Amino acid sequence: GLIDTEHSWLTPLVEKDASAPYKYIVAYHWTMAQFTPAPHNFHPTNFQERLYAVSVLFVGLVLFSSLIGSTTALINQSRAEASKKMLEADALRRFLADHNVSLSLGNRIIHFLKENRVRHRQVVESDVASLQILPPSLSTELHYEAYGQMVVAHPLFCRVNAVHTALMQEICHTAITEKAVAKGEEPFRNKAPSKGMILIKGGKFTYEFRQTVKYAPGKIVEENDMLCEAALWCPWEHHGNLISNSAGSIVYLWASNFQAAAAQDNDCCRYFKKYA
């Protein structure tokens, strides 16, 4: 081998009859020294060894530089996010103080914002930018599979899906959007106009029904529940408040888009009118 014909950096170890574990530790120490400024007393003694050492140094330089760059970028990003949060918190406190907001209300606002800053909300279509470039055919199929099962749970749309699947696909594609909601958020308030039907896709909500000058005890609204169907057929306004008890998502079936899609099929349009 190499150590039989010329001097090598292994020669001292062979002369000392070093054990295999000791040789392994020496090799590991030498390897770590190429990636860090740590000293080492084993050095190349011939051309082959020096060429190998230079190659390892070059690879180590690239890897070490990449590691330093990634670590620096991560630290800078963390600092920027922390600075942004501090500036937002300071601006919020100044706003509350400048506008003489009461301490109790200010604490509720701060608590709400803190809760929703750390909570992982559900991912909806608008969060995925790449879905916006899908061709209409793929987008239609995606919306039908994503929302169709929820919508056809309603007897009317179950019938439409059975006799006219293409129309049901068009409704899912053009008339439905999904929105993620945070805990404490209010999808609608009393007396606000309703622009369509609401389907609960995830999470729990409390519906407070308005009775004359006070609200009735809240009713729990959960996944797969439906609200405001009347808005599909006539002008409608909400008669209570819907408040989210947890992070979740709701699906809107917009009345104007639904009516436009339904008008494309005369038979289904007459069926819708009869139902309404």
C-alpha atoms as a PDB file:
ATOM      1  CA  GLY A   1       0.000   0.000   0.000  1.00  0.00           C
ATOM      2  CA  LEU A   2       0.931   3.690   0.179  1.00  0.00           C
ATOM      3  CA  ILE A   3       2.587   3.448   3.588  1.00  0.00           C
ATOM      4  CA  ASP A   4       4.882   0.647   2.346  1.00  0.00           C
ATOM      5  CA  THR A   5       6.478   2.727  -0.435  1.00  0.00           C
ATOM      6  CA  GLU A   6       6.656   6.279   0.968  1.00  0.00           C
ATOM      7  CA  HIS A   7       6.115   8.304   4.086  1.00  0.00           C
ATOM      8  CA  SER A   8       2.455   8.952   4.911  1.00  0.00           C
ATOM      9  CA  TRP A   9       0.474  10.736   7.591  1.00  0.00           C
ATOM     10  CA  LEU A  10      -0.507   7.249   8.752  1.00  0.00           C
ATOM     11  CA  THR A  11       3.105   6.246   9.350  1.00  0.00           C
ATOM     12  CA  PRO A  12       3.282   7.518  12.963  1.00  0.00           C
ATOM     13  CA  LEU A  13       0.131   5.605  13.822  1.00  0.00           C
ATOM     14  CA  VAL A  14       1.441   2.421  12.247  1.00  0.00           C
ATOM     15  CA  GLU A  15       4.794   2.786  14.046  1.00  0.00           C
ATOM     16  CA  LYS A  16       2.980   3.234  17.379  1.00  0.00           C
ATOM     17  CA  ASP A  17       0.765   0.238  16.559  1.00  0.00           C
ATOM     18  CA  ALA A  18      -2.297   2.381  17.326  1.00  0.00           C
ATOM     19  CA  SER A  19      -5.601   0.581  17.831  1.00  0.00           C
ATOM     20  CA  ALA A  20      -8.452   0.827  15.331  1.00  0.00           C
ATOM     21  CA  PRO A  21     -10.642   2.967  17.646  1.00  0.00           C
ATOM     22  CA  TYR A  22      -7.782   5.425  18.141  1.00  0.00           C
ATOM     23  CA  LYS A  23      -7.241   5.648  14.380  1.00  0.00           C
ATOM     24  CA  TYR A  24     -10.952   6.299  13.913  1.00  0.00           C
ATOM     25  CA  ILE A  25     -10.915   9.116  16.486  1.00  0.00           C
ATOM     26  CA  VAL A  26      -7.855  10.666  14.798  1.00  0.00           C
ATOM     27  CA  ALA A  27      -9.566  10.498  11.388  1.00  0.00           C
ATOM     28  CA  TYR A  28     -12.748  12.019  12.814  1.00  0.00           C
ATOM     29  CA  HIS A  29     -10.719  14.797  14.476  1.00  0.00           C
ATOM     30  CA  TRP A  30      -8.939  15.524  11.187  1.00  0.00           C
ATOM     31  CA  THR A  31     -12.274  15.662   9.334  1.00  0.00           C
ATOM     32  CA  MET A  32     -13.779  18.103  11.850  1.00  0.00           C
ATOM     33  CA  ALA A  33     -10.648  20.262  11.639  1.00  0.00           C
ATOM     34  CA  GLN A  34     -11.231  20.770   7.896  1.00  0.00           C
ATOM     35  CA  PHE A  35     -14.659  22.327   8.559  1.00  0.00           C
ATOM     36  CA  THR A  36     -13.655  24.400  11.580  1.00  0.00           C
ATOM     37  CA  PRO A  37     -10.630  26.412  12.725  1.00  0.00           C
ATOM     38  CA  ALA A  38      -9.655  23.630  15.171  1.00  0.00           C
ATOM     39  CA  PRO A  39      -5.898  22.660  15.156  1.00  0.00           C
ATOM     40  CA  HIS A  40      -4.645  19.204  14.174  1.00  0.00           C
ATOM     41  CA  ASN A  41      -1.161  17.620  14.275  1.00  0.00           C
ATOM     42  CA  PHE A  42      -1.627  15.281  11.282  1.00  0.00           C
ATOM     43  CA  HIS A  43      -0.763  16.888   7.957  1.00  0.00           C
ATOM     44  CA  PRO A  44      -0.307  15.686   4.346  1.00  0.00           C
ATOM     45  CA  THR A  45       3.182  14.323   3.591  1.00  0.00           C
ATOM     46  CA  ASN A  46       2.892  13.448  -0.122  1.00  0.00           C
ATOM     47  CA  PHE A  47       1.162  14.586  -3.279  1.00  0.00           C
ATOM     48  CA  GLN A  48      -1.848  12.258  -3.041  1.00  0.00           C
ATOM     49  CA  GLU A  49      -2.570  13.211   0.557  1.00  0.00           C
ATOM     50  CA  ARG A  50      -2.218  16.911  -0.148  1.00  0.00           C
ATOM     51  CA  LEU A  51      -4.547  16.678  -3.144  1.00  0.00           C
ATOM     52  CA  TYR A  52      -7.101  14.876  -0.996  1.00  0.00           C
ATOM     53  CA  ALA A  53      -6.765  17.471   1.795  1.00  0.00           C
ATOM     54  CA  VAL A  54      -7.249  20.361  -0.640  1.00  0.00           C
ATOM     55  CA  SER A  55     -10.374  18.671  -2.069  1.00  0.00           C
ATOM     56  CA  VAL A  56     -11.820  18.181   1.403  1.00  0.00           C
ATOM     57  CA  LEU A  57     -11.027  21.797   2.303  1.00  0.00           C
ATOM     58  CA  PHE A  58     -12.806  23.014  -0.809  1.00  0.00           C
ATOM     59  CA  VAL A  59     -15.927  20.955  -0.043  1.00  0.00           C
ATOM     60  CA  GLY A  60     -15.784  22.068   3.588  1.00  0.00           C
ATOM     61  CA  LEU A  61     -15.541  25.709   2.547  1.00  0.00           C
ATOM     62  CA  VAL A  62     -18.666  25.413   0.400  1.00  0.00           C
ATOM     63  CA  LEU A  63     -20.643  23.564   3.060  1.00  0.00           C
ATOM     64  CA  PHE A  64     -19.487  25.833   5.879  1.00  0.00           C
ATOM     65  CA  SER A  65     -20.333  28.955   3.873  1.00  0.00           C
ATOM     66  CA  SER A  66     -23.775  27.553   3.067  1.00  0.00           C
ATOM     67  CA  LEU A  67     -24.374  26.732   6.730  1.00  0.00           C
ATOM     68  CA  ILE A  68     -23.294  30.195   7.854  1.00  0.00           C
ATOM     69  CA  GLY A  69     -25.477  31.837   5.195  1.00  0.00           C
ATOM     70  CA  SER A  70     -28.549  29.797   6.145  1.00  0.00           C
ATOM     71  CA  THR A  71     -28.045  30.459   9.850  1.00  0.00           C
ATOM     72  CA  THR A  72     -27.574  34.183   9.272  1.00  0.00           C
ATOM     73  CA  ALA A  73     -30.686  34.378   7.094  1.00  0.00           C
ATOM     74  CA  LEU A  74     -32.714  32.519   9.734  1.00  0.00           C
ATOM     75  CA  ILE A  75     -31.508  34.836  12.499  1.00  0.00           C
ATOM     76  CA  ASN A  76     -32.239  37.943  10.416  1.00  0.00           C
ATOM     77  CA  GLN A  77     -35.719  36.651   9.576  1.00  0.00           C
ATOM     78  CA  SER A  78     -36.444  35.946  13.244  1.00  0.00           C
ATOM     79  CA  ARG A  79     -35.242  39.418  14.215  1.00  0.00           C
ATOM     80  CA  ALA A  80     -37.357  41.034  11.502  1.00  0.00           C
ATOM     81  CA  GLU A  81     -40.472  39.135  12.624  1.00  0.00           C
ATOM     82  CA  ALA A  82     -39.836  40.007  16.273  1.00  0.00           C
ATOM     83  CA  SER A  83     -39.302  43.667  15.372  1.00  0.00           C
ATOM     84  CA  LYS A  84     -42.494  43.723  13.314  1.00  0.00           C
ATOM     85  CA  LYS A  85     -44.492  42.241  16.207  1.00  0.00           C
ATOM     86  CA  MET A  86     -43.036  44.792  18.619  1.00  0.00           C
ATOM     87  CA  LEU A  87     -43.900  47.686  16.297  1.00  0.00           C
ATOM     88  CA  GLU A  88     -47.453  46.360  15.821  1.00  0.00           C
ATOM     89  CA  ALA A  89     -47.908  45.933  19.572  1.00  0.00           C
ATOM     90  CA  ASP A  90     -46.598  49.442  20.222  1.00  0.00           C
ATOM     91  CA  ALA A  91     -48.863  50.923  17.529  1.00  0.00           C
ATOM     92  CA  LEU A  92     -51.848  49.086  19.009  1.00  0.00           C
ATOM     93  CA  ARG A  93     -51.138  50.341  22.527  1.00  0.00           C
ATOM     94  CA  ARG A  94     -50.725  53.914  21.259  1.00  0.00           C
ATOM     95  CA  PHE A  95     -53.987  53.680  19.300  1.00  0.00           C
ATOM     96  CA  LEU A  96     -55.897  52.423  22.337  1.00  0.00           C
ATOM     97  CA  ALA A  97     -54.381  55.143  24.539  1.00  0.00           C
ATOM     98  CA  ASP A  98     -54.895  57.965  22.015  1.00  0.00           C
ATOM     99  CA  HIS A  99     -58.564  57.047  21.567  1.00  0.00           C
ATOM    100  CA  ASN A 100     -59.293  56.575  25.282  1.00  0.00           C
ATOM    101  CA  VAL A 101     -60.324  52.939  24.870  1.00  0.00           C
ATOM    102  CA  SER A 102     -61.307  51.386  28.209  1.00  0.00           C
ATOM    103  CA  LEU A 103     -58.906  48.984  29.878  1.00  0.00           C
ATOM    104  CA  SER A 104     -61.339  46.042  29.748  1.00  0.00           C
ATOM    105  CA  LEU A 105     -62.032  46.444  26.027  1.00  0.00           C
ATOM    106  CA  GLY A 106     -58.343  46.992  25.290  1.00  0.00           C
ATOM    107  CA  ASN A 107     -57.428  43.774  27.099  1.00  0.00           C
ATOM    108  CA  ARG A 108     -60.068  41.843  25.154  1.00  0.00           C
ATOM    109  CA  ILE A 109     -58.709  43.188  21.862  1.00  0.00           C
ATOM    110  CA  ILE A 110     -55.118  42.346  22.785  1.00  0.00           C
ATOM    111  CA  HIS A 111     -56.145  38.868  23.941  1.00  0.00           C
ATOM    112  CA  PHE A 112     -58.036  38.218  20.693  1.00  0.00           C
ATOM    113  CA  LEU A 113     -55.092  39.294  18.531  1.00  0.00           C
ATOM    114  CA  LYS A 114     -52.621  37.265  20.602  1.00  0.00           C
ATOM    115  CA  GLU A 115     -54.794  34.154  20.412  1.00  0.00           C
ATOM    116  CA  ASN A 116     -55.137  34.344  16.640  1.00  0.00           C
ATOM    117  CA  ARG A 117     -51.475  35.154  16.061  1.00  0.00           C
ATOM    118  CA  VAL A 118     -50.338  31.791  17.420  1.00  0.00           C
ATOM    119  CA  ARG A 119     -53.304  29.654  16.336  1.00  0.00           C
ATOM    120  CA  HIS A 120     -52.953  27.585  13.165  1.00  0.00           C
ATOM    121  CA  ARG A 121     -56.030  28.258  11.064  1.00  0.00           C
ATOM    122  CA  GLN A 122     -57.323  25.951   8.400  1.00  0.00           C
ATOM    123  CA  VAL A 123     -55.876  26.263   4.907  1.00  0.00           C
ATOM    124  CA  VAL A 124     -58.328  27.507   2.283  1.00  0.00           C
ATOM    125  CA  GLU A 125     -57.996  27.896  -1.458  1.00  0.00           C
ATOM    126  CA  SER A 126     -56.979  31.558  -1.305  1.00  0.00           C
ATOM    127  CA  ASP A 127     -53.930  30.565   0.772  1.00  0.00           C
ATOM    128  CA  VAL A 128     -52.539  28.437  -2.080  1.00  0.00           C
ATOM    129  CA  ALA A 129     -51.380  30.814  -4.801  1.00  0.00           C
ATOM    130  CA  SER A 130     -50.533  28.023  -7.259  1.00  0.00           C
ATOM    131  CA  LEU A 131     -54.203  26.990  -7.450  1.00  0.00           C
ATOM    132  CA  GLN A 132     -55.025  30.324  -9.078  1.00  0.00           C
ATOM    133  CA  ILE A 133     -53.270  29.285 -12.314  1.00  0.00           C
ATOM    134  CA  LEU A 134     -55.236  26.066 -12.825  1.00  0.00           C
ATOM    135  CA  PRO A 135     -57.166  25.858 -16.100  1.00  0.00           C
ATOM    136  CA  PRO A 136     -60.983  26.156 -15.775  1.00  0.00           C
ATOM    137  CA  SER A 137     -61.537  22.430 -16.345  1.00  0.00           C
ATOM    138  CA  LEU A 138     -59.250  21.386 -13.482  1.00  0.00           C
ATOM    139  CA  SER A 139     -60.483  24.198 -11.269  1.00  0.00           C
ATOM    140  CA  THR A 140     -64.106  23.141 -11.807  1.00  0.00           C
ATOM    141  CA  GLU A 141     -63.336  19.530 -10.900  1.00  0.00           C
ATOM    142  CA  LEU A 142     -61.392  20.659  -7.832  1.00  0.00           C
ATOM    143  CA  HIS A 143     -64.247  22.835  -6.548  1.00  0.00           C
ATOM    144  CA  TYR A 144     -66.795  20.112  -7.183  1.00  0.00           C
ATOM    145  CA  GLU A 145     -64.820  17.532  -5.205  1.00  0.00           C
ATOM    146  CA  ALA A 146     -63.867  19.998  -2.458  1.00  0.00           C
ATOM    147  CA  TYR A 147     -67.338  21.464  -1.839  1.00  0.00           C
ATOM    148  CA  GLY A 148     -69.824  19.236  -3.672  1.00  0.00           C
ATOM    149  CA  GLN A 149     -70.211  16.643  -0.916  1.00  0.00           C
ATOM    150  CA  MET A 150     -71.043  19.348   1.596  1.00  0.00           C
ATOM    151  CA  VAL A 151     -73.561  21.119  -0.644  1.00  0.00           C
ATOM    152  CA  VAL A 152     -75.387  17.965  -1.789  1.00  0.00           C
ATOM    153  CA  ALA A 153     -76.150  17.159   1.859  1.00  0.00           C
ATOM    154  CA  HIS A 154     -79.030  19.594   1.267  1.00  0.00           C
ATOM    155  CA  PRO A 155     -81.980  17.682  -0.285  1.00  0.00           C
ATOM    156  CA  LEU A 156     -82.476  20.266  -3.029  1.00  0.00           C
ATOM    157  CA  PHE A 157     -78.894  20.175  -4.252  1.00  0.00           C
ATOM    158  CA  CYS A 158     -78.767  16.396  -3.850  1.00  0.00           C
ATOM    159  CA  ARG A 159     -81.639  16.201  -6.379  1.00  0.00           C
ATOM    160  CA  VAL A 160     -79.942  18.663  -8.729  1.00  0.00           C
ATOM    161  CA  ASN A 161     -76.670  16.722  -8.530  1.00  0.00           C
ATOM    162  CA  ALA A 162     -78.479  13.502  -9.437  1.00  0.00           C
ATOM    163  CA  VAL A 163     -80.225  14.840 -12.539  1.00  0.00           C
ATOM    164  CA  HIS A 164     -77.794  17.556 -13.672  1.00  0.00           C
ATOM    165  CA  THR A 165     -74.252  17.006 -12.430  1.00  0.00           C
ATOM    166  CA  ALA A 166     -72.822  19.579 -14.849  1.00  0.00           C
ATOM    167  CA  LEU A 167     -74.965  22.335 -13.310  1.00  0.00           C
ATOM    168  CA  MET A 168     -73.897  21.271  -9.813  1.00  0.00           C
ATOM    169  CA  GLN A 169     -70.264  21.477 -10.915  1.00  0.00           C
ATOM    170  CA  GLU A 170     -70.865  24.971 -12.300  1.00  0.00           C
ATOM    171  CA  ILE A 171     -72.460  26.080  -9.022  1.00  0.00           C
ATOM    172  CA  CYS A 172     -69.526  24.744  -7.003  1.00  0.00           C
ATOM    173  CA  HIS A 173     -67.084  26.450  -9.359  1.00  0.00           C
ATOM    174  CA  THR A 174     -68.674  29.888  -9.697  1.00  0.00           C
ATOM    175  CA  ALA A 175     -70.872  30.396  -6.635  1.00  0.00           C
ATOM    176  CA  ILE A 176     -68.866  28.951  -3.736  1.00  0.00           C
ATOM    177  CA  THR A 177     -65.949  30.349  -1.773  1.00  0.00           C
ATOM    178  CA  GLU A 178     -64.380  29.250   1.501  1.00  0.00           C
ATOM    179  CA  LYS A 179     -63.155  31.457   4.315  1.00  0.00           C
ATOM    180  CA  ALA A 180     -61.031  30.543   7.337  1.00  0.00           C
ATOM    181  CA  VAL A 181     -62.246  32.002  10.616  1.00  0.00           C
ATOM    182  CA  ALA A 182     -60.414  32.510  13.890  1.00  0.00           C
ATOM    183  CA  LYS A 183     -61.699  32.040  17.401  1.00  0.00           C
ATOM    184  CA  GLY A 184     -63.890  34.979  18.387  1.00  0.00           C
ATOM    185  CA  GLU A 185     -64.470  36.110  14.798  1.00  0.00           C
ATOM    186  CA  GLU A 186     -68.000  37.083  13.730  1.00  0.00           C
ATOM    187  CA  PRO A 187     -68.943  35.965  10.210  1.00  0.00           C
ATOM    188  CA  PHE A 188     -72.109  38.085  10.395  1.00  0.00           C
ATOM    189  CA  ARG A 189     -73.896  40.507  12.713  1.00  0.00           C
ATOM    190  CA  ASN A 190     -77.538  41.273  13.426  1.00  0.00           C
ATOM    191  CA  LYS A 191     -79.310  43.407  10.764  1.00  0.00           C
ATOM    192  CA  ALA A 192     -76.497  42.962   8.237  1.00  0.00           C
ATOM    193  CA  PRO A 193     -77.684  41.978   4.732  1.00  0.00           C
ATOM    194  CA  SER A 194     -77.195  38.333   3.851  1.00  0.00           C
ATOM    195  CA  LYS A 195     -75.685  37.697   0.431  1.00  0.00           C
ATOM    196  CA  GLY A 196     -75.980  33.952   0.379  1.00  0.00           C
ATOM    197  CA  MET A 197     -76.212  30.644   2.168  1.00  0.00           C
ATOM    198  CA  ILE A 198     -73.580  29.689   4.763  1.00  0.00           C
ATOM    199  CA  LEU A 199     -72.338  26.145   5.363  1.00  0.00           C
ATOM    200  CA  ILE A 200     -70.140  25.268   8.337  1.00  0.00           C
ATOM    201  CA  LYS A 201     -67.145  23.285   7.083  1.00  0.00           C
ATOM    202  CA  GLY A 202     -65.189  23.135  10.334  1.00  0.00           C
ATOM    203  CA  GLY A 203     -65.147  24.458  13.888  1.00  0.00           C
ATOM    204  CA  LYS A 204     -67.888  25.405  16.332  1.00  0.00           C
ATOM    205  CA  PHE A 205     -69.965  28.578  16.380  1.00  0.00           C
ATOM    206  CA  THR A 206     -72.599  30.184  18.578  1.00  0.00           C
ATOM    207  CA  TYR A 207     -75.677  31.718  16.957  1.00  0.00           C
ATOM    208  CA  GLU A 208     -77.335  34.424  19.060  1.00  0.00           C
ATOM    209  CA  PHE A 209     -80.876  35.061  17.850  1.00  0.00           C
ATOM    210  CA  ARG A 210     -82.168  38.601  18.304  1.00  0.00           C
ATOM    211  CA  GLN A 211     -85.498  38.826  20.121  1.00  0.00           C
ATOM    212  CA  THR A 212     -86.877  42.388  20.162  1.00  0.00           C
ATOM    213  CA  VAL A 213     -84.328  44.259  22.350  1.00  0.00           C
ATOM    214  CA  LYS A 214     -82.318  41.312  23.684  1.00  0.00           C
ATOM    215  CA  TYR A 215     -80.616  38.163  22.435  1.00  0.00           C
ATOM    216  CA  ALA A 216     -81.893  34.649  23.115  1.00  0.00           C
ATOM    217  CA  PRO A 217     -79.483  32.102  24.631  1.00  0.00           C
ATOM    218  CA  GLY A 218     -76.922  31.101  22.039  1.00  0.00           C
ATOM    219  CA  LYS A 219     -77.367  27.957  19.945  1.00  0.00           C
ATOM    220  CA  ILE A 220     -74.328  25.875  19.013  1.00  0.00           C
ATOM    221  CA  VAL A 221     -73.726  25.559  15.270  1.00  0.00           C
ATOM    222  CA  GLU A 222     -71.309  22.838  14.188  1.00  0.00           C
ATOM    223  CA  GLU A 223     -69.765  21.190  11.144  1.00  0.00           C
ATOM    224  CA  ASN A 224     -72.185  20.479   8.256  1.00  0.00           C
ATOM    225  CA  ASP A 225     -74.858  22.850   9.626  1.00  0.00           C
ATOM    226  CA  MET A 226     -76.415  25.295   7.148  1.00  0.00           C
ATOM    227  CA  LEU A 227     -77.637  28.847   7.691  1.00  0.00           C
ATOM    228  CA  CYS A 228     -79.374  31.621   5.737  1.00  0.00           C
ATOM    229  CA  GLU A 229     -80.831  29.466   2.975  1.00  0.00           C
ATOM    230  CA  ALA A 230     -83.560  32.061   2.442  1.00  0.00           C
ATOM    231  CA  ALA A 231     -80.958  34.470   1.053  1.00  0.00           C
ATOM    232  CA  LEU A 232     -80.780  32.307  -2.087  1.00  0.00           C
ATOM    233  CA  TRP A 233     -84.391  33.067  -2.963  1.00  0.00           C
ATOM    234  CA  CYS A 234     -85.156  36.548  -1.674  1.00  0.00           C
ATOM    235  CA  PRO A 235     -83.568  39.640  -0.066  1.00  0.00           C
ATOM    236  CA  TRP A 236     -82.612  38.712   3.485  1.00  0.00           C
ATOM    237  CA  GLU A 237     -80.979  40.212   6.512  1.00  0.00           C
ATOM    238  CA  HIS A 238     -79.492  38.457   9.497  1.00  0.00           C
ATOM    239  CA  HIS A 239     -81.557  38.265  12.679  1.00  0.00           C
ATOM    240  CA  GLY A 240     -78.713  37.527  15.061  1.00  0.00           C
ATOM    241  CA  ASN A 241     -74.965  37.172  15.481  1.00  0.00           C
ATOM    242  CA  LEU A 242     -72.740  34.247  14.519  1.00  0.00           C
ATOM    243  CA  ILE A 243     -69.630  33.987  16.697  1.00  0.00           C
ATOM    244  CA  SER A 244     -66.808  31.487  16.259  1.00  0.00           C
ATOM    245  CA  ASN A 245     -65.930  29.426  19.337  1.00  0.00           C
ATOM    246  CA  SER A 246     -62.835  27.926  17.716  1.00  0.00           C
ATOM    247  CA  ALA A 247     -60.734  28.162  14.602  1.00  0.00           C
ATOM    248  CA  GLY A 248     -62.556  26.735  11.604  1.00  0.00           C
ATOM    249  CA  SER A 249     -63.862  27.525   8.150  1.00  0.00           C
ATOM    250  CA  ILE A 250     -67.166  28.387   6.505  1.00  0.00           C
ATOM    251  CA  VAL A 251     -68.351  27.988   2.926  1.00  0.00           C
ATOM    252  CA  TYR A 252     -70.382  30.744   1.241  1.00  0.00           C
ATOM    253  CA  LEU A 253     -72.871  29.919  -1.492  1.00  0.00           C
ATOM    254  CA  TRP A 254     -73.362  33.373  -3.002  1.00  0.00           C
ATOM    255  CA  ALA A 255     -76.941  34.093  -4.069  1.00  0.00           C
ATOM    256  CA  SER A 256     -76.174  36.203  -7.145  1.00  0.00           C
ATOM    257  CA  ASN A 257     -73.683  33.694  -8.589  1.00  0.00           C
ATOM    258  CA  PHE A 258     -75.992  30.781  -7.779  1.00  0.00           C
ATOM    259  CA  GLN A 259     -78.922  32.440  -9.549  1.00  0.00           C
ATOM    260  CA  ALA A 260     -76.780  33.182 -12.601  1.00  0.00           C
ATOM    261  CA  ALA A 261     -75.635  29.554 -12.809  1.00  0.00           C
ATOM    262  CA  ALA A 262     -79.169  28.207 -12.270  1.00  0.00           C
ATOM    263  CA  ALA A 263     -80.572  30.416 -15.020  1.00  0.00           C
ATOM    264  CA  GLN A 264     -78.474  28.500 -17.581  1.00  0.00           C
ATOM    265  CA  ASP A 265     -80.755  25.462 -17.317  1.00  0.00           C
ATOM    266  CA  ASN A 266     -84.475  26.031 -17.815  1.00  0.00           C
ATOM    267  CA  ASP A 267     -85.603  22.713 -16.302  1.00  0.00           C
ATOM    268  CA  CYS A 268     -83.556  23.167 -13.136  1.00  0.00           C
ATOM    269  CA  CYS A 269     -84.511  26.822 -12.963  1.00  0.00           C
ATOM    270  CA  ARG A 270     -88.203  25.856 -12.865  1.00  0.00           C
ATOM    271  CA  TYR A 271     -87.397  23.279 -10.215  1.00  0.00           C
ATOM    272  CA  PHE A 272     -85.631  25.908  -8.124  1.00  0.00           C
ATOM    273  CA  LYS A 273     -88.580  28.307  -8.463  1.00  0.00           C
ATOM    274  CA  LYS A 274     -91.003  25.606  -7.411  1.00  0.00           C
ATOM    275  CA  TYR A 275     -88.885  24.803  -4.359  1.00  0.00           C
ATOM    276  CA  ALA A 276     -88.537  28.471  -3.379  1.00  0.00           C
END
